[in-house]
Amino acid sequence: MEGLIKGLINVALGNNQDEDERPNNPSHSQEEERTRSTWAQVVSGEKEEEEEPQNNVEYGAHHYNQQNPWNRRRKEEDNEGRNEEGGWETVTERPPPPRRRHQQEEDNEGRDQEEGWETVAERPPPPQRRHQKFIIGQVSMENRHGYKQPPSEQGYSEEVDYGADIEPSAEELSDLSKACSRLWELDLNRLVPGKDYEIDCGEGKKTYQKEDMAQGSLFSWMSDNLFKRPTYSRFSSLLDNYNPNEGSKEVVTSQERQEQAAFIEEISRTAPIKYLYKYLLLKGIIPEHYEGFKRILTGLWFDLYNRGGTSGSSSAFEHVFVGEIKQRGEHEVSGFHNWIQFYLEEAKGKVDYQGYIFPRRRGEIPDSETQLLTIQFEWNGVLKSISSILVGVSPEFEIALFTLCFYLGGEDNYFQLGPYPVNIKCYRLGRDKIGSVFPIAQS
């Protein structure tokens, strides 16, 4: 009887180890957590040893979302609630992470279009990007101080003896199209699609169409080593030297002149520029001295002239590679035909890619491997209805190609660049200035 009374007292006082005690018991809590974890693995089809790497991926993606400026720019639909069509109905019931604009393919894969994300198993892990945007920017800025030193005090790439490779043949000297095709072959510094970068062309459109046909950005990712390449780094250091408003007088500082001279010095050590020099020399257009050739190249691309009614407001480099915004009449973007400028401005959130313009050849659809694109975009909120760019080519190649067409070509210059039939359109200001020059994809 005494034992029975004690047992009843224990039950009344809650001292029996029943279900109510388990949250306070570490061993039971751990056992319960293991049971829940095992069930989650059964639902998701994942093994226990894969759980920790998945958590690391989620943390990396969260850090990427916080740091990458691209993730601050999203379409309007990304700001709307996503629970309107069933939305997120997982056991955790937590809201979805913000959708990255340049992650269109990943978002479409593994997703139930009608029901939303319904189980842990249906939610794909966020992809690990191969770069973060402003790590690249920081690489460029680390070199910036050195670029502001006098050109004679800076460090440059070593001279490379290309030998006969840079000697124009008789056939090339008599045919500009063959010379331009040779320049393409000499662009040893050109990037490789899929290895050095990736683009997502989105959907196509007509020039007059206003709707945005690209949910993501044009550039999906870029190699971390891009701006460790000397000519790319020096080129990017020039892009912020200009006022984008057409007709605004440019003030060129001594440091900016040093950056210009250093860029010309750097590219003058590459095969495309050496070939250009040999070609123009044999044609009797430039003096024999290489230093004189560099000065001509500097003046052609960087000397200021009148555009938009103001003297000293523009240059060939600014118009072709950086871009300008017309201030008179309806605002629109003019120039802006360089992929590096596009990539950097898109990374900063200043460019909104809106899709490619349908190719002239029916049935031809650009993809991630395409290196000649005709596109539409907004820059600083102003529309560029159509612009053609060569993607992944080096700065020295474009300088050599456009300079060659200016001196020896006409307004239209038709030839083949690798697999691409192209017309290099060249407009002159007077006899000695480049008004504009850019590629047009041909049918």
Protein backbone atom coordinates (compact mmCIF):
# COMPACT_ATOMS: atom_id res chain seq x y z
CA MET A 1 0.00 0.00 0.00
CA GLU A 2 2.80 2.41 0.84
CA GLY A 3 4.40 1.78 -2.59
CA LEU A 4 1.11 2.38 -4.30
CA ILE A 5 0.66 5.70 -2.47
CA LYS A 6 4.19 6.86 -3.48
CA GLY A 7 3.53 5.96 -7.08
CA LEU A 8 0.35 8.01 -7.11
CA ILE A 9 2.19 10.95 -5.52
CA ASN A 10 4.91 10.80 -8.26
CA VAL A 11 2.33 10.81 -10.99
CA ALA A 12 0.56 13.78 -9.41
CA LEU A 13 3.83 15.73 -9.09
CA GLY A 14 4.86 15.06 -12.79
CA ASN A 15 8.06 13.19 -11.88
CA ASN A 16 7.33 10.29 -14.28
CA GLN A 17 9.43 10.41 -17.47
CA ASP A 18 6.64 10.77 -19.97
CA GLU A 19 6.13 12.78 -23.18
CA ASP A 20 6.02 16.14 -21.32
CA GLU A 21 9.61 15.80 -20.18
CA ARG A 22 11.22 15.22 -23.55
CA PRO A 23 11.80 18.88 -24.59
CA ASN A 24 13.88 19.31 -21.42
CA ASN A 25 15.85 16.14 -21.92
CA PRO A 26 18.88 16.57 -24.22
CA SER A 27 19.08 12.92 -25.16
CA HIS A 28 15.43 12.68 -26.09
CA SER A 29 15.65 16.03 -27.95
CA GLN A 30 18.57 14.78 -30.00
CA GLU A 31 16.81 11.52 -30.77
CA GLU A 32 13.69 13.39 -31.89
CA GLU A 33 15.79 15.75 -34.10
CA ARG A 34 17.47 12.75 -35.71
CA THR A 35 14.08 11.22 -36.40
CA ARG A 36 12.85 14.45 -38.01
CA SER A 37 16.07 14.77 -40.02
CA THR A 38 15.73 11.21 -41.26
CA TRP A 39 12.17 11.89 -42.37
CA ALA A 40 13.26 15.07 -44.22
CA GLN A 41 15.90 13.01 -45.99
CA VAL A 42 13.29 10.46 -47.03
CA VAL A 43 11.09 13.24 -48.40
CA SER A 44 13.92 15.01 -50.24
CA GLY A 45 15.77 11.87 -51.33
CA GLU A 46 19.03 13.18 -49.86
CA LYS A 47 21.61 11.19 -47.91
CA GLU A 48 22.69 12.22 -44.46
CA GLU A 49 26.23 13.08 -45.50
CA GLU A 50 24.91 15.54 -48.14
CA GLU A 51 23.06 17.63 -45.60
CA GLU A 52 26.03 19.73 -44.48
CA PRO A 53 27.18 20.76 -48.01
CA GLN A 54 23.61 21.79 -48.82
CA ASN A 55 23.58 24.08 -45.80
CA ASN A 56 26.87 25.58 -46.94
CA VAL A 57 25.44 26.26 -50.39
CA GLU A 58 22.45 28.02 -48.89
CA TYR A 59 24.70 30.19 -46.77
CA GLY A 60 26.90 31.03 -49.77
CA ALA A 61 23.86 32.02 -51.81
CA HIS A 62 22.55 34.21 -48.98
CA HIS A 63 25.92 35.95 -48.75
CA TYR A 64 25.93 36.37 -52.54
CA ASN A 65 22.47 37.95 -52.43
CA GLN A 66 23.60 40.46 -49.83
CA GLN A 67 26.82 41.43 -51.59
CA ASN A 68 26.09 41.29 -55.31
CA PRO A 69 24.65 44.59 -56.62
CA TRP A 70 22.93 42.74 -59.44
CA ASN A 71 20.53 41.24 -56.90
CA ARG A 72 19.22 44.71 -55.98
CA ARG A 73 17.88 45.11 -59.52
CA ARG A 74 14.81 43.03 -60.23
CA LYS A 75 11.76 43.19 -62.45
CA GLU A 76 8.51 44.58 -61.07
CA GLU A 77 7.00 41.09 -60.85
CA ASP A 78 9.72 40.11 -58.36
CA ASN A 79 8.31 42.68 -55.93
CA GLU A 80 4.82 41.22 -56.04
CA GLY A 81 3.71 38.61 -53.50
CA ARG A 82 4.37 35.08 -54.63
CA ASN A 83 1.70 33.40 -52.48
CA GLU A 84 -1.15 34.44 -54.80
CA GLU A 85 -1.14 31.15 -56.74
CA GLY A 86 -0.47 28.71 -53.94
CA GLY A 87 3.00 30.14 -53.39
CA TRP A 88 5.25 28.57 -50.81
CA GLU A 89 3.46 25.83 -48.91
CA THR A 90 6.41 24.03 -47.37
CA VAL A 91 6.39 22.74 -43.84
CA THR A 92 8.51 25.71 -42.80
CA GLU A 93 6.12 28.21 -44.47
CA ARG A 94 8.92 30.71 -44.84
CA PRO A 95 8.77 33.24 -47.72
CA PRO A 96 10.92 32.57 -50.79
CA PRO A 97 14.32 34.21 -51.14
CA PRO A 98 14.33 37.11 -53.63
CA ARG A 99 14.62 35.90 -57.20
CA ARG A 100 17.82 36.90 -58.97
CA ARG A 101 17.14 38.55 -62.33
CA HIS A 102 19.91 36.64 -64.06
CA GLN A 103 18.79 33.22 -62.83
CA GLN A 104 15.97 32.56 -65.27
CA GLU A 105 16.92 29.02 -66.24
CA GLU A 106 17.54 27.89 -62.66
CA ASP A 107 14.19 29.33 -61.56
CA ASN A 108 12.33 27.44 -64.29
CA GLU A 109 13.95 24.08 -63.61
CA GLY A 110 12.40 21.80 -61.02
CA ARG A 111 9.52 24.17 -60.33
CA ASP A 112 5.85 23.14 -60.29
CA GLN A 113 4.33 25.84 -62.53
CA GLU A 114 0.83 25.52 -61.11
CA GLU A 115 1.27 24.64 -57.47
CA GLY A 116 4.47 26.55 -56.59
CA TRP A 117 7.07 25.03 -54.27
CA GLU A 118 5.22 22.38 -52.24
CA THR A 119 7.93 20.22 -50.71
CA VAL A 120 11.51 20.56 -49.65
CA ALA A 121 12.45 18.11 -52.40
CA GLU A 122 11.09 20.36 -55.15
CA ARG A 123 13.20 23.35 -54.20
CA PRO A 124 16.52 23.33 -56.10
CA PRO A 125 19.58 24.58 -54.25
CA PRO A 126 20.72 28.07 -55.26
CA PRO A 127 23.61 27.91 -57.76
CA GLN A 128 27.10 28.82 -56.74
CA ARG A 129 28.30 31.70 -58.93
CA ARG A 130 31.84 31.71 -60.26
CA HIS A 131 32.38 35.31 -59.34
CA GLN A 132 31.05 38.25 -57.39
CA LYS A 133 30.64 41.44 -59.35
CA PHE A 134 32.65 43.92 -57.37
CA ILE A 135 35.52 41.62 -56.65
CA ILE A 136 36.21 42.31 -60.32
CA GLY A 137 35.69 46.01 -59.80
CA GLN A 138 38.13 45.96 -56.90
CA VAL A 139 40.79 44.28 -59.03
CA SER A 140 40.52 47.13 -61.48
CA MET A 141 40.66 49.75 -58.72
CA GLU A 142 43.76 48.16 -57.20
CA ASN A 143 45.57 48.87 -60.47
CA ARG A 144 44.06 52.32 -60.81
CA HIS A 145 46.62 54.09 -58.65
CA GLY A 146 49.46 52.66 -60.73
CA TYR A 147 47.73 53.70 -63.95
CA LYS A 148 47.75 57.33 -62.81
CA GLN A 149 51.53 57.42 -62.75
CA PRO A 150 53.39 58.84 -65.77
CA PRO A 151 53.34 56.21 -68.55
CA SER A 152 57.13 55.88 -68.45
CA GLU A 153 56.95 54.84 -64.77
CA GLN A 154 54.30 52.17 -65.17
CA GLY A 155 54.73 48.45 -65.62
CA TYR A 156 53.57 46.91 -68.89
CA SER A 157 53.29 43.48 -70.42
CA GLU A 158 56.46 42.15 -71.97
CA GLU A 159 56.92 42.66 -75.69
CA VAL A 160 56.09 39.51 -77.63
CA ASP A 161 57.83 38.69 -80.90
CA TYR A 162 55.02 37.53 -83.15
CA GLY A 163 57.37 37.21 -86.13
CA ALA A 164 55.73 36.62 -89.49
CA ASP A 165 52.28 36.40 -87.91
CA ILE A 166 51.94 40.18 -87.93
CA GLU A 167 53.22 40.72 -91.47
CA PRO A 168 50.30 41.47 -93.83
CA SER A 169 50.35 39.32 -96.94
CA ALA A 170 50.03 40.76 -100.44
CA GLU A 171 46.53 39.34 -100.63
CA GLU A 172 45.56 41.06 -97.37
CA LEU A 173 47.04 44.34 -98.52
CA SER A 174 44.89 44.25 -101.63
CA ASP A 175 41.71 43.13 -99.87
CA LEU A 176 40.52 44.88 -96.70
CA SER A 177 38.07 42.09 -95.89
CA LYS A 178 40.91 39.56 -95.72
CA ALA A 179 42.91 41.91 -93.48
CA CYS A 180 39.98 42.26 -91.07
CA SER A 181 39.49 38.50 -91.02
CA ARG A 182 43.18 38.16 -90.19
CA LEU A 183 42.72 40.51 -87.23
CA TRP A 184 40.09 38.13 -85.85
CA GLU A 185 42.63 35.30 -86.01
CA LEU A 186 45.23 37.46 -84.25
CA ASP A 187 42.94 38.27 -81.32
CA LEU A 188 44.67 35.86 -78.96
CA ASN A 189 43.20 37.71 -75.97
CA ARG A 190 39.56 37.09 -76.92
CA LEU A 191 37.39 35.42 -74.25
CA VAL A 192 35.86 31.97 -74.75
CA PRO A 193 32.08 31.59 -74.22
CA GLY A 194 31.27 29.07 -71.51
CA LYS A 195 34.81 29.15 -70.16
CA ASP A 196 35.36 32.84 -69.41
CA TYR A 197 31.76 34.07 -69.30
CA GLU A 198 28.16 33.15 -69.99
CA ILE A 199 25.30 35.18 -71.44
CA ASP A 200 21.54 34.63 -71.47
CA CYS A 201 20.00 36.25 -74.54
CA GLY A 202 16.42 35.97 -73.30
CA GLU A 203 13.64 36.44 -75.86
CA GLY A 204 13.76 38.20 -79.22
CA LYS A 205 11.81 41.27 -80.30
CA LYS A 206 11.33 43.78 -83.06
CA THR A 207 13.04 47.16 -82.76
CA TYR A 208 9.76 49.02 -82.27
CA GLN A 209 8.49 46.74 -79.50
CA LYS A 210 8.52 48.39 -76.06
CA GLU A 211 8.01 45.42 -73.75
CA ASP A 212 10.95 43.93 -71.90
CA MET A 213 11.63 40.46 -73.31
CA ALA A 214 14.45 39.52 -70.93
CA GLN A 215 13.62 38.60 -67.35
CA GLY A 216 17.29 38.31 -66.53
CA SER A 217 20.52 40.13 -67.22
CA LEU A 218 22.52 39.53 -70.38
CA PHE A 219 25.64 38.43 -68.48
CA SER A 220 25.04 35.47 -66.18
CA TRP A 221 28.59 35.20 -64.88
CA MET A 222 32.11 36.34 -65.66
CA SER A 223 35.52 34.95 -64.83
CA ASP A 224 37.27 36.46 -61.82
CA ASN A 225 40.40 36.84 -63.95
CA LEU A 226 38.86 39.18 -66.54
CA PHE A 227 40.38 42.42 -65.27
CA LYS A 228 43.67 40.83 -64.39
CA ARG A 229 44.31 40.91 -68.15
CA PRO A 230 46.30 44.12 -68.67
CA THR A 231 44.51 45.52 -71.72
CA TYR A 232 41.07 44.81 -70.22
CA SER A 233 42.02 46.44 -66.94
CA ARG A 234 43.48 49.56 -68.57
CA PHE A 235 40.47 49.83 -70.88
CA SER A 236 38.04 49.71 -67.94
CA SER A 237 39.99 52.45 -66.14
CA LEU A 238 39.07 54.85 -68.98
CA LEU A 239 35.32 54.28 -68.89
CA ASP A 240 34.55 56.59 -65.95
CA ASN A 241 36.43 59.57 -67.40
CA TYR A 242 33.43 60.93 -69.30
CA ASN A 243 30.18 62.82 -68.76
CA PRO A 244 27.48 60.68 -70.41
CA ASN A 245 25.33 63.66 -71.40
CA GLU A 246 25.90 64.60 -75.02
CA GLY A 247 26.87 68.26 -75.38
CA SER A 248 28.47 68.48 -71.92
CA LYS A 249 32.00 69.83 -72.20
CA GLU A 250 34.60 67.31 -71.14
CA VAL A 251 37.40 68.28 -68.77
CA VAL A 252 40.39 65.99 -69.26
CA THR A 253 42.78 65.91 -66.30
CA SER A 254 46.48 65.18 -66.51
CA GLN A 255 45.88 61.83 -64.82
CA GLU A 256 43.27 60.93 -67.42
CA ARG A 257 45.73 61.78 -70.19
CA GLN A 258 48.23 59.49 -68.52
CA GLU A 259 45.62 56.71 -68.46
CA GLN A 260 45.00 57.23 -72.17
CA ALA A 261 48.71 57.08 -73.01
CA ALA A 262 49.18 54.01 -70.80
CA PHE A 263 46.29 52.22 -72.51
CA ILE A 264 47.75 52.91 -75.97
CA GLU A 265 51.17 51.75 -74.76
CA GLU A 266 49.67 48.51 -73.39
CA ILE A 267 47.72 47.59 -76.51
CA SER A 268 50.64 48.52 -78.76
CA ARG A 269 52.40 45.40 -77.43
CA THR A 270 49.67 43.08 -78.76
CA ALA A 271 49.40 41.26 -82.10
CA PRO A 272 46.32 43.10 -83.49
CA ILE A 273 47.89 46.56 -83.00
CA LYS A 274 51.27 45.46 -84.36
CA TYR A 275 49.50 44.09 -87.43
CA LEU A 276 47.58 47.38 -87.79
CA TYR A 277 50.87 49.31 -87.65
CA LYS A 278 52.49 47.12 -90.31
CA TYR A 279 49.43 47.40 -92.54
CA LEU A 280 49.13 51.20 -92.32
CA LEU A 281 52.89 51.57 -92.74
CA LEU A 282 52.94 49.50 -95.93
CA LYS A 283 50.01 51.57 -97.20
CA GLY A 284 51.98 54.78 -96.56
CA ILE A 285 49.40 56.20 -94.13
CA ILE A 286 51.58 56.54 -91.02
CA PRO A 287 55.25 57.36 -90.34
CA GLU A 288 57.74 54.58 -89.87
CA HIS A 289 58.51 55.45 -86.26
CA TYR A 290 56.39 53.35 -83.86
CA GLU A 291 56.14 56.17 -81.31
CA GLY A 292 54.65 58.40 -83.99
CA PHE A 293 52.08 55.70 -84.73
CA LYS A 294 51.08 55.61 -81.03
CA ARG A 295 50.56 59.38 -81.01
CA ILE A 296 48.35 59.13 -84.11
CA LEU A 297 46.33 56.38 -82.44
CA THR A 298 45.95 58.45 -79.26
CA GLY A 299 44.78 61.51 -81.16
CA LEU A 300 42.34 59.55 -83.34
CA TRP A 301 40.53 58.02 -80.40
CA PHE A 302 40.90 60.54 -77.57
CA ASP A 303 41.07 64.04 -79.06
CA LEU A 304 37.90 65.99 -78.24
CA TYR A 305 35.55 67.48 -80.83
CA ASN A 306 32.11 69.05 -81.15
CA ARG A 307 29.01 66.93 -80.69
CA GLY A 308 25.63 68.18 -79.57
CA GLY A 309 26.51 71.82 -80.27
CA THR A 310 29.36 72.09 -77.76
CA SER A 311 33.05 72.07 -78.60
CA GLY A 312 35.22 69.64 -76.69
CA SER A 313 32.19 67.59 -75.62
CA SER A 314 32.92 64.23 -77.25
CA SER A 315 35.54 61.91 -78.70
CA ALA A 316 35.61 58.74 -80.77
CA PHE A 317 36.42 56.67 -77.69
CA GLU A 318 33.61 58.17 -75.63
CA HIS A 319 30.98 57.77 -78.32
CA VAL A 320 31.85 54.29 -79.58
CA PHE A 321 32.89 52.55 -76.37
CA VAL A 322 31.30 54.49 -73.48
CA GLY A 323 28.10 55.87 -75.01
CA GLU A 324 26.31 59.20 -74.79
CA ILE A 325 22.77 60.35 -73.97
CA LYS A 326 21.24 62.86 -76.36
CA GLN A 327 19.81 65.86 -74.53
CA ARG A 328 18.04 67.62 -77.40
CA GLY A 329 14.61 66.39 -78.45
CA GLU A 330 13.64 62.93 -77.24
CA HIS A 331 16.30 61.50 -75.00
CA GLU A 332 18.04 58.46 -76.43
CA VAL A 333 21.34 56.64 -76.13
CA SER A 334 23.83 57.05 -78.97
CA GLY A 335 27.03 55.09 -79.47
CA PHE A 336 27.66 52.51 -76.72
CA HIS A 337 28.87 49.54 -78.77
CA ASN A 338 31.23 47.85 -76.31
CA TRP A 339 30.52 44.69 -74.35
CA ILE A 340 32.87 45.51 -71.42
CA GLN A 341 31.10 48.81 -70.79
CA PHE A 342 27.77 46.98 -71.04
CA TYR A 343 28.88 44.32 -68.56
CA LEU A 344 30.19 46.82 -66.00
CA GLU A 345 27.15 49.13 -66.24
CA GLU A 346 24.81 46.14 -65.98
CA ALA A 347 26.67 45.01 -62.85
CA LYS A 348 26.15 48.46 -61.32
CA GLY A 349 22.44 48.41 -62.09
CA LYS A 350 22.63 51.18 -64.69
CA VAL A 351 21.83 48.97 -67.69
CA ASP A 352 18.58 47.05 -68.09
CA TYR A 353 18.86 44.45 -70.84
CA GLN A 354 15.55 44.05 -72.67
CA GLY A 355 16.19 41.32 -75.22
CA TYR A 356 17.86 40.71 -78.55
CA ILE A 357 16.65 42.07 -81.87
CA PHE A 358 15.54 39.31 -84.22
CA PRO A 359 18.41 38.31 -86.54
CA ARG A 360 18.14 39.20 -90.20
CA ARG A 361 18.44 35.52 -91.09
CA ARG A 362 15.21 33.73 -90.28
CA GLY A 363 15.47 30.73 -88.01
CA GLU A 364 18.76 31.91 -86.51
CA ILE A 365 18.47 32.32 -82.76
CA PRO A 366 21.40 33.68 -80.70
CA ASP A 367 22.53 31.59 -77.75
CA SER A 368 25.17 31.63 -75.03
CA GLU A 369 27.90 30.94 -77.62
CA THR A 370 27.00 33.88 -79.90
CA GLN A 371 29.63 36.65 -80.05
CA LEU A 372 27.90 39.10 -82.39
CA LEU A 373 24.65 40.37 -80.86
CA THR A 374 22.06 42.96 -81.80
CA ILE A 375 20.27 44.01 -78.62
CA GLN A 376 17.98 46.54 -76.97
CA PHE A 377 18.52 48.02 -73.52
CA GLU A 378 18.06 51.02 -71.27
CA TRP A 379 21.02 52.92 -69.88
CA ASN A 380 20.36 55.23 -66.94
CA GLY A 381 16.67 54.87 -67.76
CA VAL A 382 17.11 55.99 -71.40
CA LEU A 383 16.37 53.61 -74.28
CA LYS A 384 18.88 52.31 -76.81
CA SER A 385 16.45 50.77 -79.28
CA ILE A 386 19.12 48.88 -81.23
CA SER A 387 22.83 48.32 -80.67
CA SER A 388 25.24 45.76 -82.06
CA ILE A 389 28.16 44.54 -79.98
CA LEU A 390 30.96 42.01 -80.39
CA VAL A 391 30.94 39.99 -77.16
CA GLY A 392 34.18 38.74 -75.62
CA VAL A 393 36.57 40.37 -78.08
CA SER A 394 39.60 42.19 -76.67
CA PRO A 395 39.94 46.00 -76.54
CA GLU A 396 43.00 45.85 -78.81
CA PHE A 397 41.06 43.93 -81.45
CA GLU A 398 38.25 46.51 -81.62
CA ILE A 399 40.69 49.44 -81.73
CA ALA A 400 42.64 47.75 -84.56
CA LEU A 401 39.53 46.71 -86.50
CA PHE A 402 37.78 50.08 -86.33
CA THR A 403 40.96 52.04 -87.06
CA LEU A 404 41.70 49.91 -90.11
CA CYS A 405 38.17 50.44 -91.46
CA PHE A 406 38.40 54.19 -90.81
CA TYR A 407 41.65 54.65 -92.76
CA LEU A 408 41.11 52.19 -95.61
CA GLY A 409 37.41 51.42 -95.77
CA GLY A 410 34.23 53.23 -96.69
CA GLU A 411 30.99 53.85 -94.84
CA ASP A 412 30.08 50.16 -95.30
CA ASN A 413 32.71 47.46 -94.91
CA TYR A 414 31.53 43.88 -95.51
CA PHE A 415 33.57 40.86 -94.51
CA GLN A 416 33.67 37.74 -92.38
CA LEU A 417 34.78 37.73 -88.73
CA GLY A 418 35.20 34.08 -87.83
CA PRO A 419 31.72 32.58 -88.31
CA TYR A 420 29.98 35.97 -88.53
CA PRO A 421 29.20 37.91 -91.72
CA VAL A 422 29.40 41.54 -90.63
CA ASN A 423 29.27 45.11 -91.89
CA ILE A 424 31.46 47.57 -90.01
CA LYS A 425 29.60 50.84 -90.36
CA CYS A 426 31.97 53.82 -90.24
CA TYR A 427 30.92 57.48 -90.07
CA ARG A 428 33.49 60.27 -90.34
CA LEU A 429 33.59 63.79 -88.97
CA GLY A 430 35.56 65.67 -91.56
CA ARG A 431 38.55 63.80 -92.91
CA ASP A 432 40.41 62.92 -89.75
CA LYS A 433 37.86 62.09 -87.02
CA ILE A 434 35.74 59.05 -86.22
CA GLY A 435 32.12 60.06 -85.74
CA SER A 436 30.95 56.52 -85.03
CA VAL A 437 31.93 52.99 -85.93
CA PHE A 438 30.16 49.76 -85.03
CA PRO A 439 29.33 46.24 -86.29
CA ILE A 440 26.07 45.23 -87.97
CA ALA A 441 25.19 41.56 -88.29
CA GLN A 442 24.50 40.60 -91.91
CA SER A 443 22.20 38.03 -93.43
